[in-house]
Amino acid sequence: MSYVDGFVIPVPKARLDEYRKMARLGRKVWMEHGALGYHECVADDAPVGKLTSFPRSVKLQDDEVVVFAYIVYKSRAHRDKVNKLAMNDKRFAKMDIKNMPFDTKRMIFGGFKTIVAA
């Protein structure tokens, strides 16, 4: 079964184009290093829940939108190999980690073993 890295990210609406540009570079780098799939999705129908929800999970502010992203790999070992290559890719050297187009402190991420897939 495959392995997935998943992300929930609060992105300021005013910086969504900048985020999209960064995501396109991410897609190119991860896919070139062997990822099986790379997806970045902007919330279109993710209401604020009474107890939990995507907006609540990242303490979404009025001027932000939720991005749900995921990268697919063959296995966790494959993910670890691809991530190492991607994170050391020279195309990311110019990125200013202190000026990302989203609040890195409120980003949620994790690795997941697939248990059902189509």
PDB file of N, CA and C in Angstrom:
ATOM      1  N   MET A   1       0.829  -1.191   0.000  1.00  0.00           N
ATOM      2  CA  MET A   1       0.000   0.000   0.000  1.00  0.00           C
ATOM      3  C   MET A   1       0.875   1.258   0.000  1.00  0.00           C
ATOM      4  N   SER A   2       0.322   2.325  -0.511  1.00  0.00           N
ATOM      5  CA  SER A   2       1.044   3.593  -0.610  1.00  0.00           C
ATOM      6  C   SER A   2       1.147   4.297   0.740  1.00  0.00           C
ATOM      7  N   TYR A   3       1.913   5.373   0.743  1.00  0.00           N
ATOM      8  CA  TYR A   3       2.111   6.211   1.919  1.00  0.00           C
ATOM      9  C   TYR A   3       1.807   7.639   1.500  1.00  0.00           C
ATOM     10  N   VAL A   4       1.219   8.427   2.410  1.00  0.00           N
ATOM     11  CA  VAL A   4       0.803   9.787   2.069  1.00  0.00           C
ATOM     12  C   VAL A   4       1.274  10.771   3.127  1.00  0.00           C
ATOM     13  N   ASP A   5       1.825  11.887   2.693  1.00  0.00           N
ATOM     14  CA  ASP A   5       2.052  13.033   3.573  1.00  0.00           C
ATOM     15  C   ASP A   5       0.876  13.963   3.364  1.00  0.00           C
ATOM     16  N   GLY A   6       0.235  14.382   4.461  1.00  0.00           N
ATOM     17  CA  GLY A   6      -0.921  15.265   4.365  1.00  0.00           C
ATOM     18  C   GLY A   6      -0.668  16.577   5.091  1.00  0.00           C
ATOM     19  N   PHE A   7      -1.276  17.653   4.587  1.00  0.00           N
ATOM     20  CA  PHE A   7      -1.076  18.990   5.128  1.00  0.00           C
ATOM     21  C   PHE A   7      -2.400  19.759   5.153  1.00  0.00           C
ATOM     22  N   VAL A   8      -2.627  20.540   6.191  1.00  0.00           N
ATOM     23  CA  VAL A   8      -3.729  21.493   6.260  1.00  0.00           C
ATOM     24  C   VAL A   8      -3.065  22.829   6.578  1.00  0.00           C
ATOM     25  N   ILE A   9      -3.284  23.821   5.689  1.00  0.00           N
ATOM     26  CA  ILE A   9      -2.494  25.054   5.739  1.00  0.00           C
ATOM     27  C   ILE A   9      -3.395  26.284   5.635  1.00  0.00           C
ATOM     28  N   PRO A  10      -3.238  27.250   6.554  1.00  0.00           N
ATOM     29  CA  PRO A  10      -3.972  28.508   6.434  1.00  0.00           C
ATOM     30  C   PRO A  10      -3.193  29.465   5.521  1.00  0.00           C
ATOM     31  N   VAL A  11      -3.818  29.870   4.431  1.00  0.00           N
ATOM     32  CA  VAL A  11      -3.140  30.752   3.472  1.00  0.00           C
ATOM     33  C   VAL A  11      -3.917  32.065   3.360  1.00  0.00           C
ATOM     34  N   PRO A  12      -3.246  33.203   3.556  1.00  0.00           N
ATOM     35  CA  PRO A  12      -3.937  34.483   3.360  1.00  0.00           C
ATOM     36  C   PRO A  12      -4.449  34.583   1.923  1.00  0.00           C
ATOM     37  N   LYS A  13      -5.684  35.009   1.765  1.00  0.00           N
ATOM     38  CA  LYS A  13      -6.265  35.137   0.427  1.00  0.00           C
ATOM     39  C   LYS A  13      -5.416  36.042  -0.452  1.00  0.00           C
ATOM     40  N   ALA A  14      -4.838  37.080   0.125  1.00  0.00           N
ATOM     41  CA  ALA A  14      -4.011  38.026  -0.632  1.00  0.00           C
ATOM     42  C   ALA A  14      -2.704  37.406  -1.110  1.00  0.00           C
ATOM     43  N   ARG A  15      -2.317  36.264  -0.538  1.00  0.00           N
ATOM     44  CA  ARG A  15      -1.056  35.616  -0.917  1.00  0.00           C
ATOM     45  C   ARG A  15      -1.279  34.279  -1.620  1.00  0.00           C
ATOM     46  N   LEU A  16      -2.525  34.008  -2.020  1.00  0.00           N
ATOM     47  CA  LEU A  16      -2.834  32.719  -2.640  1.00  0.00           C
ATOM     48  C   LEU A  16      -2.081  32.511  -3.951  1.00  0.00           C
ATOM     49  N   ASP A  17      -1.948  33.546  -4.770  1.00  0.00           N
ATOM     50  CA  ASP A  17      -1.183  33.400  -6.015  1.00  0.00           C
ATOM     51  C   ASP A  17       0.279  33.083  -5.729  1.00  0.00           C
ATOM     52  N   GLU A  18       0.830  33.727  -4.712  1.00  0.00           N
ATOM     53  CA  GLU A  18       2.219  33.454  -4.306  1.00  0.00           C
ATOM     54  C   GLU A  18       2.343  32.014  -3.806  1.00  0.00           C
ATOM     55  N   TYR A  19       1.353  31.568  -3.030  1.00  0.00           N
ATOM     56  CA  TYR A  19       1.346  30.190  -2.542  1.00  0.00           C
ATOM     57  C   TYR A  19       1.264  29.214  -3.722  1.00  0.00           C
ATOM     58  N   ARG A  20       0.390  29.511  -4.677  1.00  0.00           N
ATOM     59  CA  ARG A  20       0.229  28.647  -5.854  1.00  0.00           C
ATOM     60  C   ARG A  20       1.552  28.515  -6.606  1.00  0.00           C
ATOM     61  N   LYS A  21       2.283  29.601  -6.743  1.00  0.00           N
ATOM     62  CA  LYS A  21       3.586  29.567  -7.424  1.00  0.00           C
ATOM     63  C   LYS A  21       4.551  28.652  -6.661  1.00  0.00           C
ATOM     64  N   MET A  22       4.566  28.784  -5.331  1.00  0.00           N
ATOM     65  CA  MET A  22       5.420  27.935  -4.509  1.00  0.00           C
ATOM     66  C   MET A  22       4.992  26.469  -4.642  1.00  0.00           C
ATOM     67  N   ALA A  23       3.684  26.219  -4.663  1.00  0.00           N
ATOM     68  CA  ALA A  23       3.163  24.855  -4.781  1.00  0.00           C
ATOM     69  C   ALA A  23       3.531  24.233  -6.125  1.00  0.00           C
ATOM     70  N   ARG A  24       3.505  25.014  -7.174  1.00  0.00           N
ATOM     71  CA  ARG A  24       3.894  24.490  -8.495  1.00  0.00           C
ATOM     72  C   ARG A  24       5.355  24.064  -8.505  1.00  0.00           C
ATOM     73  N   LEU A  25       6.210  24.858  -7.846  1.00  0.00           N
ATOM     74  CA  LEU A  25       7.611  24.466  -7.725  1.00  0.00           C
ATOM     75  C   LEU A  25       7.707  23.183  -6.897  1.00  0.00           C
ATOM     76  N   GLY A  26       6.962  23.123  -5.795  1.00  0.00           N
ATOM     77  CA  GLY A  26       6.960  21.910  -4.969  1.00  0.00           C
ATOM     78  C   GLY A  26       6.556  20.688  -5.762  1.00  0.00           C
ATOM     79  N   ARG A  27       5.480  20.822  -6.542  1.00  0.00           N
ATOM     80  CA  ARG A  27       5.025  19.700  -7.378  1.00  0.00           C
ATOM     81  C   ARG A  27       6.138  19.245  -8.316  1.00  0.00           C
ATOM     82  N   LYS A  28       6.769  20.200  -8.976  1.00  0.00           N
ATOM     83  CA  LYS A  28       7.836  19.858  -9.930  1.00  0.00           C
ATOM     84  C   LYS A  28       8.972  19.120  -9.229  1.00  0.00           C
ATOM     85  N   VAL A  29       9.425  19.650  -8.090  1.00  0.00           N
ATOM     86  CA  VAL A  29      10.551  19.051  -7.365  1.00  0.00           C
ATOM     87  C   VAL A  29      10.181  17.665  -6.843  1.00  0.00           C
ATOM     88  N   TRP A  30       9.044  17.537  -6.150  1.00  0.00           N
ATOM     89  CA  TRP A  30       8.674  16.233  -5.579  1.00  0.00           C
ATOM     90  C   TRP A  30       8.454  15.180  -6.664  1.00  0.00           C
ATOM     91  N   MET A  31       7.798  15.563  -7.751  1.00  0.00           N
ATOM     92  CA  MET A  31       7.555  14.590  -8.824  1.00  0.00           C
ATOM     93  C   MET A  31       8.859  14.185  -9.507  1.00  0.00           C
ATOM     94  N   GLU A  32       9.761  15.130  -9.711  1.00  0.00           N
ATOM     95  CA  GLU A  32      11.060  14.788 -10.321  1.00  0.00           C
ATOM     96  C   GLU A  32      11.866  13.851  -9.440  1.00  0.00           C
ATOM     97  N   HIS A  33      11.661  13.930  -8.122  1.00  0.00           N
ATOM     98  CA  HIS A  33      12.407  13.074  -7.201  1.00  0.00           C
ATOM     99  C   HIS A  33      11.676  11.772  -6.888  1.00  0.00           C
ATOM    100  N   GLY A  34      10.521  11.540  -7.536  1.00  0.00           N
ATOM    101  CA  GLY A  34       9.896  10.227  -7.452  1.00  0.00           C
ATOM    102  C   GLY A  34       8.537  10.120  -6.792  1.00  0.00           C
ATOM    103  N   ALA A  35       7.962  11.225  -6.306  1.00  0.00           N
ATOM    104  CA  ALA A  35       6.619  11.137  -5.727  1.00  0.00           C
ATOM    105  C   ALA A  35       5.648  10.606  -6.778  1.00  0.00           C
ATOM    106  N   LEU A  36       4.656   9.849  -6.347  1.00  0.00           N
ATOM    107  CA  LEU A  36       3.667   9.289  -7.265  1.00  0.00           C
ATOM    108  C   LEU A  36       2.548  10.275  -7.589  1.00  0.00           C
ATOM    109  N   GLY A  37       2.284  11.193  -6.666  1.00  0.00           N
ATOM    110  CA  GLY A  37       1.240  12.187  -6.867  1.00  0.00           C
ATOM    111  C   GLY A  37       1.479  13.373  -5.956  1.00  0.00           C
ATOM    112  N   TYR A  38       1.024  14.542  -6.388  1.00  0.00           N
ATOM    113  CA  TYR A  38       1.198  15.777  -5.613  1.00  0.00           C
ATOM    114  C   TYR A  38      -0.045  16.623  -5.831  1.00  0.00           C
ATOM    115  N   HIS A  39      -0.756  16.945  -4.754  1.00  0.00           N
ATOM    116  CA  HIS A  39      -2.022  17.661  -4.871  1.00  0.00           C
ATOM    117  C   HIS A  39      -2.081  18.822  -3.890  1.00  0.00           C
ATOM    118  N   GLU A  40      -2.527  19.974  -4.361  1.00  0.00           N
ATOM    119  CA  GLU A  40      -2.764  21.156  -3.528  1.00  0.00           C
ATOM    120  C   GLU A  40      -4.199  21.584  -3.817  1.00  0.00           C
ATOM    121  N   CYS A  41      -5.034  21.650  -2.787  1.00  0.00           N
ATOM    122  CA  CYS A  41      -6.459  21.906  -2.961  1.00  0.00           C
ATOM    123  C   CYS A  41      -6.906  23.042  -2.043  1.00  0.00           C
ATOM    124  N   VAL A  42      -7.664  24.001  -2.593  1.00  0.00           N
ATOM    125  CA  VAL A  42      -8.178  25.121  -1.817  1.00  0.00           C
ATOM    126  C   VAL A  42      -9.605  24.799  -1.384  1.00  0.00           C
ATOM    127  N   ALA A  43      -9.903  25.056  -0.114  1.00  0.00           N
ATOM    128  CA  ALA A  43     -11.231  24.768   0.417  1.00  0.00           C
ATOM    129  C   ALA A  43     -12.313  25.490  -0.367  1.00  0.00           C
ATOM    130  N   ASP A  44     -13.327  24.743  -0.740  1.00  0.00           N
ATOM    131  CA  ASP A  44     -14.473  25.274  -1.461  1.00  0.00           C
ATOM    132  C   ASP A  44     -15.756  25.028  -0.665  1.00  0.00           C
ATOM    133  N   ASP A  45     -15.746  23.970   0.131  1.00  0.00           N
ATOM    134  CA  ASP A  45     -16.905  23.618   0.954  1.00  0.00           C
ATOM    135  C   ASP A  45     -16.384  22.998   2.249  1.00  0.00           C
ATOM    136  N   ALA A  46     -15.819  23.834   3.118  1.00  0.00           N
ATOM    137  CA  ALA A  46     -15.258  23.384   4.392  1.00  0.00           C
ATOM    138  C   ALA A  46     -15.759  24.308   5.493  1.00  0.00           C
ATOM    139  N   PRO A  47     -17.016  24.098   5.922  1.00  0.00           N
ATOM    140  CA  PRO A  47     -17.606  24.996   6.925  1.00  0.00           C
ATOM    141  C   PRO A  47     -16.923  24.880   8.285  1.00  0.00           C
ATOM    142  N   VAL A  48     -17.054  25.930   9.067  1.00  0.00           N
ATOM    143  CA  VAL A  48     -16.562  25.919  10.438  1.00  0.00           C
ATOM    144  C   VAL A  48     -17.494  25.037  11.253  1.00  0.00           C
ATOM    145  N   GLY A  49     -16.950  24.010  11.861  1.00  0.00           N
ATOM    146  CA  GLY A  49     -17.763  23.109  12.667  1.00  0.00           C
ATOM    147  C   GLY A  49     -17.945  23.621  14.081  1.00  0.00           C
ATOM    148  N   LYS A  50     -18.872  23.005  14.795  1.00  0.00           N
ATOM    149  CA  LYS A  50     -19.120  23.411  16.185  1.00  0.00           C
ATOM    150  C   LYS A  50     -17.963  23.016  17.100  1.00  0.00           C
ATOM    151  N   LEU A  51     -17.372  21.847  16.851  1.00  0.00           N
ATOM    152  CA  LEU A  51     -16.259  21.387  17.680  1.00  0.00           C
ATOM    153  C   LEU A  51     -14.954  21.287  16.898  1.00  0.00           C
ATOM    154  N   THR A  52     -15.026  20.661  15.716  1.00  0.00           N
ATOM    155  CA  THR A  52     -13.821  20.492  14.899  1.00  0.00           C
ATOM    156  C   THR A  52     -14.153  20.772  13.440  1.00  0.00           C
ATOM    157  N   SER A  53     -13.146  21.154  12.696  1.00  0.00           N
ATOM    158  CA  SER A  53     -13.294  21.390  11.255  1.00  0.00           C
ATOM    159  C   SER A  53     -11.934  21.783  10.702  1.00  0.00           C
ATOM    160  N   PHE A  54     -11.826  21.804   9.392  1.00  0.00           N
ATOM    161  CA  PHE A  54     -10.583  22.273   8.787  1.00  0.00           C
ATOM    162  C   PHE A  54     -10.286  23.719   9.203  1.00  0.00           C
ATOM    163  N   PRO A  55     -11.242  24.641   9.118  1.00  0.00           N
ATOM    164  CA  PRO A  55     -10.951  26.013   9.555  1.00  0.00           C
ATOM    165  C   PRO A  55     -10.522  26.092  11.026  1.00  0.00           C
ATOM    166  N   ARG A  56     -11.194  25.381  11.904  1.00  0.00           N
ATOM    167  CA  ARG A  56     -10.830  25.411  13.324  1.00  0.00           C
ATOM    168  C   ARG A  56      -9.448  24.806  13.562  1.00  0.00           C
ATOM    169  N   SER A  57      -9.113  23.796  12.799  1.00  0.00           N
ATOM    170  CA  SER A  57      -7.845  23.092  13.023  1.00  0.00           C
ATOM    171  C   SER A  57      -6.630  23.998  12.857  1.00  0.00           C
ATOM    172  N   VAL A  58      -6.743  25.015  11.997  1.00  0.00           N
ATOM    173  CA  VAL A  58      -5.617  25.930  11.758  1.00  0.00           C
ATOM    174  C   VAL A  58      -5.890  27.341  12.277  1.00  0.00           C
ATOM    175  N   LYS A  59      -6.965  27.474  13.092  1.00  0.00           N
ATOM    176  CA  LYS A  59      -7.354  28.782  13.632  1.00  0.00           C
ATOM    177  C   LYS A  59      -7.486  29.808  12.506  1.00  0.00           C
ATOM    178  N   LEU A  60      -8.244  29.412  11.479  1.00  0.00           N
ATOM    179  CA  LEU A  60      -8.409  30.224  10.279  1.00  0.00           C
ATOM    180  C   LEU A  60      -8.927  31.623  10.606  1.00  0.00           C
ATOM    181  N   GLN A  61      -8.302  32.612  10.001  1.00  0.00           N
ATOM    182  CA  GLN A  61      -8.710  34.004  10.171  1.00  0.00           C
ATOM    183  C   GLN A  61      -9.587  34.416   8.988  1.00  0.00           C
ATOM    184  N   ASP A  62     -10.333  35.516   9.149  1.00  0.00           N
ATOM    185  CA  ASP A  62     -11.290  35.958   8.123  1.00  0.00           C
ATOM    186  C   ASP A  62     -10.662  36.197   6.757  1.00  0.00           C
ATOM    187  N   ASP A  63      -9.409  36.586   6.724  1.00  0.00           N
ATOM    188  CA  ASP A  63      -8.750  36.903   5.458  1.00  0.00           C
ATOM    189  C   ASP A  63      -7.946  35.725   4.900  1.00  0.00           C
ATOM    190  N   GLU A  64      -8.247  34.507   5.375  1.00  0.00           N
ATOM    191  CA  GLU A  64      -7.496  33.322   4.959  1.00  0.00           C
ATOM    192  C   GLU A  64      -8.411  32.267   4.365  1.00  0.00           C
ATOM    193  N   VAL A  65      -7.799  31.320   3.681  1.00  0.00           N
ATOM    194  CA  VAL A  65      -8.485  30.160   3.133  1.00  0.00           C
ATOM    195  C   VAL A  65      -7.673  28.918   3.520  1.00  0.00           C
ATOM    196  N   VAL A  66      -8.362  27.790   3.669  1.00  0.00           N
ATOM    197  CA  VAL A  66      -7.683  26.536   4.009  1.00  0.00           C
ATOM    198  C   VAL A  66      -7.199  25.855   2.730  1.00  0.00           C
ATOM    199  N   VAL A  67      -5.952  25.399   2.763  1.00  0.00           N
ATOM    200  CA  VAL A  67      -5.414  24.558   1.699  1.00  0.00           C
ATOM    201  C   VAL A  67      -5.188  23.170   2.287  1.00  0.00           C
ATOM    202  N   PHE A  68      -5.695  22.167   1.584  1.00  0.00           N
ATOM    203  CA  PHE A  68      -5.460  20.768   1.938  1.00  0.00           C
ATOM    204  C   PHE A  68      -4.536  20.213   0.863  1.00  0.00           C
ATOM    205  N   ALA A  69      -3.407  19.685   1.280  1.00  0.00           N
ATOM    206  CA  ALA A  69      -2.429  19.186   0.310  1.00  0.00           C
ATOM    207  C   ALA A  69      -1.991  17.781   0.706  1.00  0.00           C
ATOM    208  N   TYR A  70      -1.624  16.994  -0.305  1.00  0.00           N
ATOM    209  CA  TYR A  70      -1.092  15.675   0.000  1.00  0.00           C
ATOM    210  C   TYR A  70      -0.167  15.199  -1.114  1.00  0.00           C
ATOM    211  N   ILE A  71       0.817  14.423  -0.698  1.00  0.00           N
ATOM    212  CA  ILE A  71       1.813  13.854  -1.616  1.00  0.00           C
ATOM    213  C   ILE A  71       1.766  12.340  -1.425  1.00  0.00           C
ATOM    214  N   VAL A  72       1.774  11.606  -2.521  1.00  0.00           N
ATOM    215  CA  VAL A  72       1.652  10.144  -2.477  1.00  0.00           C
ATOM    216  C   VAL A  72       2.990   9.495  -2.849  1.00  0.00           C
ATOM    217  N   TYR A  73       3.322   8.462  -2.093  1.00  0.00           N
ATOM    218  CA  TYR A  73       4.576   7.709  -2.284  1.00  0.00           C
ATOM    219  C   TYR A  73       4.281   6.210  -2.329  1.00  0.00           C
ATOM    220  N   LYS A  74       5.267   5.418  -2.724  1.00  0.00           N
ATOM    221  CA  LYS A  74       5.123   3.956  -2.747  1.00  0.00           C
ATOM    222  C   LYS A  74       5.052   3.387  -1.333  1.00  0.00           C
ATOM    223  N   SER A  75       5.837   3.951  -0.416  1.00  0.00           N
ATOM    224  CA  SER A  75       5.958   3.430   0.947  1.00  0.00           C
ATOM    225  C   SER A  75       6.568   4.518   1.823  1.00  0.00           C
ATOM    226  N   ARG A  76       6.654   4.250   3.121  1.00  0.00           N
ATOM    227  CA  ARG A  76       7.298   5.231   3.989  1.00  0.00           C
ATOM    228  C   ARG A  76       8.782   5.361   3.658  1.00  0.00           C
ATOM    229  N   ALA A  77       9.439   4.253   3.363  1.00  0.00           N
ATOM    230  CA  ALA A  77      10.859   4.318   2.996  1.00  0.00           C
ATOM    231  C   ALA A  77      11.034   5.157   1.729  1.00  0.00           C
ATOM    232  N   HIS A  78      10.141   4.972   0.769  1.00  0.00           N
ATOM    233  CA  HIS A  78      10.192   5.763  -0.466  1.00  0.00           C
ATOM    234  C   HIS A  78       9.964   7.236  -0.146  1.00  0.00           C
ATOM    235  N   ARG A  79       8.995   7.528   0.739  1.00  0.00           N
ATOM    236  CA  ARG A  79       8.726   8.909   1.156  1.00  0.00           C
ATOM    237  C   ARG A  79       9.961   9.530   1.791  1.00  0.00           C
ATOM    238  N   ASP A  80      10.617   8.794   2.684  1.00  0.00           N
ATOM    239  CA  ASP A  80      11.797   9.335   3.354  1.00  0.00           C
ATOM    240  C   ASP A  80      12.899   9.661   2.351  1.00  0.00           C
ATOM    241  N   LYS A  81      13.065   8.798   1.361  1.00  0.00           N
ATOM    242  CA  LYS A  81      14.081   9.015   0.322  1.00  0.00           C
ATOM    243  C   LYS A  81      13.724  10.225  -0.539  1.00  0.00           C
ATOM    244  N   VAL A  82      12.478  10.294  -0.999  1.00  0.00           N
ATOM    245  CA  VAL A  82      12.044  11.408  -1.850  1.00  0.00           C
ATOM    246  C   VAL A  82      12.109  12.726  -1.088  1.00  0.00           C
ATOM    247  N   ASN A  83      11.644  12.745   0.155  1.00  0.00           N
ATOM    248  CA  ASN A  83      11.673  13.976   0.946  1.00  0.00           C
ATOM    249  C   ASN A  83      13.093  14.477   1.163  1.00  0.00           C
ATOM    250  N   LYS A  84      14.010  13.575   1.420  1.00  0.00           N
ATOM    251  CA  LYS A  84      15.409  13.981   1.618  1.00  0.00           C
ATOM    252  C   LYS A  84      15.942  14.652   0.358  1.00  0.00           C
ATOM    253  N   LEU A  85      15.675  14.041  -0.790  1.00  0.00           N
ATOM    254  CA  LEU A  85      16.128  14.620  -2.059  1.00  0.00           C
ATOM    255  C   LEU A  85      15.455  15.961  -2.320  1.00  0.00           C
ATOM    256  N   ALA A  86      14.157  16.030  -2.100  1.00  0.00           N
ATOM    257  CA  ALA A  86      13.408  17.258  -2.364  1.00  0.00           C
ATOM    258  C   ALA A  86      13.848  18.390  -1.443  1.00  0.00           C
ATOM    259  N   MET A  87      13.987  18.113  -0.167  1.00  0.00           N
ATOM    260  CA  MET A  87      14.354  19.159   0.781  1.00  0.00           C
ATOM    261  C   MET A  87      15.775  19.683   0.564  1.00  0.00           C
ATOM    262  N   ASN A  88      16.613  18.880  -0.064  1.00  0.00           N
ATOM    263  CA  ASN A  88      17.975  19.320  -0.376  1.00  0.00           C
ATOM    264  C   ASN A  88      18.108  19.856  -1.799  1.00  0.00           C
ATOM    265  N   ASP A  89      17.004  19.953  -2.520  1.00  0.00           N
ATOM    266  CA  ASP A  89      17.023  20.433  -3.898  1.00  0.00           C
ATOM    267  C   ASP A  89      17.418  21.906  -3.932  1.00  0.00           C
ATOM    268  N   LYS A  90      18.350  22.235  -4.803  1.00  0.00           N
ATOM    269  CA  LYS A  90      18.890  23.606  -4.864  1.00  0.00           C
ATOM    270  C   LYS A  90      17.828  24.652  -5.224  1.00  0.00           C
ATOM    271  N   ARG A  91      16.720  24.221  -5.833  1.00  0.00           N
ATOM    272  CA  ARG A  91      15.670  25.173  -6.193  1.00  0.00           C
ATOM    273  C   ARG A  91      14.971  25.765  -4.971  1.00  0.00           C
ATOM    274  N   PHE A  92      15.114  25.108  -3.822  1.00  0.00           N
ATOM    275  CA  PHE A  92      14.526  25.635  -2.595  1.00  0.00           C
ATOM    276  C   PHE A  92      15.487  26.527  -1.818  1.00  0.00           C
ATOM    277  N   ALA A  93      16.736  26.600  -2.241  1.00  0.00           N
ATOM    278  CA  ALA A  93      17.743  27.369  -1.512  1.00  0.00           C
ATOM    279  C   ALA A  93      17.388  28.857  -1.402  1.00  0.00           C
ATOM    280  N   LYS A  94      16.670  29.386  -2.381  1.00  0.00           N
ATOM    281  CA  LYS A  94      16.322  30.808  -2.394  1.00  0.00           C
ATOM    282  C   LYS A  94      15.135  31.141  -1.494  1.00  0.00           C
ATOM    283  N   MET A  95      14.407  30.133  -1.043  1.00  0.00           N
ATOM    284  CA  MET A  95      13.206  30.383  -0.254  1.00  0.00           C
ATOM    285  C   MET A  95      13.555  30.994   1.097  1.00  0.00           C
ATOM    286  N   ASP A  96      12.818  32.040   1.442  1.00  0.00           N
ATOM    287  CA  ASP A  96      12.972  32.684   2.740  1.00  0.00           C
ATOM    288  C   ASP A  96      11.962  32.062   3.693  1.00  0.00           C
ATOM    289  N   ILE A  97      12.420  31.178   4.545  1.00  0.00           N
ATOM    290  CA  ILE A  97      11.539  30.439   5.450  1.00  0.00           C
ATOM    291  C   ILE A  97      10.785  31.378   6.394  1.00  0.00           C
ATOM    292  N   LYS A  98      11.315  32.572   6.613  1.00  0.00           N
ATOM    293  CA  LYS A  98      10.662  33.536   7.504  1.00  0.00           C
ATOM    294  C   LYS A  98       9.601  34.364   6.791  1.00  0.00           C
ATOM    295  N   ASN A  99       9.516  34.214   5.459  1.00  0.00           N
ATOM    296  CA  ASN A  99       8.531  34.980   4.689  1.00  0.00           C
ATOM    297  C   ASN A  99       7.730  34.067   3.760  1.00  0.00           C
ATOM    298  N   MET A 100       7.252  32.962   4.319  1.00  0.00           N
ATOM    299  CA  MET A 100       6.455  32.029   3.531  1.00  0.00           C
ATOM    300  C   MET A 100       5.069  32.639   3.298  1.00  0.00           C
ATOM    301  N   PRO A 101       4.369  32.229   2.241  1.00  0.00           N
ATOM    302  CA  PRO A 101       3.037  32.784   1.964  1.00  0.00           C
ATOM    303  C   PRO A 101       1.929  32.150   2.814  1.00  0.00           C
ATOM    304  N   PHE A 102       2.274  31.683   4.014  1.00  0.00           N
ATOM    305  CA  PHE A 102       1.310  31.123   4.956  1.00  0.00           C
ATOM    306  C   PHE A 102       1.975  31.095   6.326  1.00  0.00           C
ATOM    307  N   ASP A 103       1.176  30.909   7.366  1.00  0.00           N
ATOM    308  CA  ASP A 103       1.689  30.859   8.730  1.00  0.00           C
ATOM    309  C   ASP A 103       2.158  29.438   9.036  1.00  0.00           C
ATOM    310  N   THR A 104       3.453  29.232   9.033  1.00  0.00           N
ATOM    311  CA  THR A 104       4.023  27.895   9.232  1.00  0.00           C
ATOM    312  C   THR A 104       3.714  27.334  10.618  1.00  0.00           C
ATOM    313  N   LYS A 105       3.462  28.203  11.590  1.00  0.00           N
ATOM    314  CA  LYS A 105       3.180  27.742  12.957  1.00  0.00           C
ATOM    315  C   LYS A 105       1.795  27.103  13.074  1.00  0.00           C
ATOM    316  N   ARG A 106       0.896  27.435  12.150  1.00  0.00           N
ATOM    317  CA  ARG A 106      -0.459  26.871  12.204  1.00  0.00           C
ATOM    318  C   ARG A 106      -0.676  25.764  11.184  1.00  0.00           C
ATOM    319  N   MET A 107       0.344  25.412  10.421  1.00  0.00           N
ATOM    320  CA  MET A 107       0.232  24.329   9.456  1.00  0.00           C
ATOM    321  C   MET A 107       0.196  23.001  10.212  1.00  0.00           C
ATOM    322  N   ILE A 108      -0.670  22.095   9.762  1.00  0.00           N
ATOM    323  CA  ILE A 108      -0.753  20.752  10.335  1.00  0.00           C
ATOM    324  C   ILE A 108      -0.228  19.778   9.280  1.00  0.00           C
ATOM    325  N   PHE A 109       0.575  18.823   9.706  1.00  0.00           N
ATOM    326  CA  PHE A 109       1.106  17.860   8.739  1.00  0.00           C
ATOM    327  C   PHE A 109       1.355  16.524   9.420  1.00  0.00           C
ATOM    328  N   GLY A 110       1.424  15.481   8.609  1.00  0.00           N
ATOM    329  CA  GLY A 110       1.721  14.158   9.121  1.00  0.00           C
ATOM    330  C   GLY A 110       1.823  13.144   8.005  1.00  0.00           C
ATOM    331  N   GLY A 111       2.432  12.007   8.319  1.00  0.00           N
ATOM    332  CA  GLY A 111       2.558  10.907   7.379  1.00  0.00           C
ATOM    333  C   GLY A 111       1.538   9.824   7.711  1.00  0.00           C
ATOM    334  N   PHE A 112       0.967   9.223   6.672  1.00  0.00           N
ATOM    335  CA  PHE A 112      -0.133   8.266   6.845  1.00  0.00           C
ATOM    336  C   PHE A 112       0.072   7.005   6.011  1.00  0.00           C
ATOM    337  N   LYS A 113      -0.143   5.857   6.649  1.00  0.00           N
ATOM    338  CA  LYS A 113      -0.158   4.580   5.948  1.00  0.00           C
ATOM    339  C   LYS A 113      -1.533   4.442   5.290  1.00  0.00           C
ATOM    340  N   THR A 114      -1.552   4.077   4.046  1.00  0.00           N
ATOM    341  CA  THR A 114      -2.830   3.853   3.351  1.00  0.00           C
ATOM    342  C   THR A 114      -3.411   2.518   3.804  1.00  0.00           C
ATOM    343  N   ILE A 115      -4.719   2.531   4.119  1.00  0.00           N
ATOM    344  CA  ILE A 115      -5.379   1.276   4.506  1.00  0.00           C
ATOM    345  C   ILE A 115      -6.455   0.865   3.505  1.00  0.00           C
ATOM    346  N   VAL A 116      -6.941   1.835   2.690  1.00  0.00           N
ATOM    347  CA  VAL A 116      -7.893   1.543   1.615  1.00  0.00           C
ATOM    348  C   VAL A 116      -7.549   2.474   0.473  1.00  0.00           C
ATOM    349  N   ALA A 117      -7.526   1.970  -0.739  1.00  0.00           N
ATOM    350  CA  ALA A 117      -7.227   2.805  -1.907  1.00  0.00           C
ATOM    351  C   ALA A 117      -7.947   2.257  -3.131  1.00  0.00           C
ATOM    352  N   ALA A 118      -8.169   3.133  -4.081  1.00  0.00           N
ATOM    353  CA  ALA A 118      -8.797   2.728  -5.346  1.00  0.00           C
ATOM    354  C   ALA A 118      -7.728   2.437  -6.364  1.00  0.00           C
TER     355      ALA A 118
END
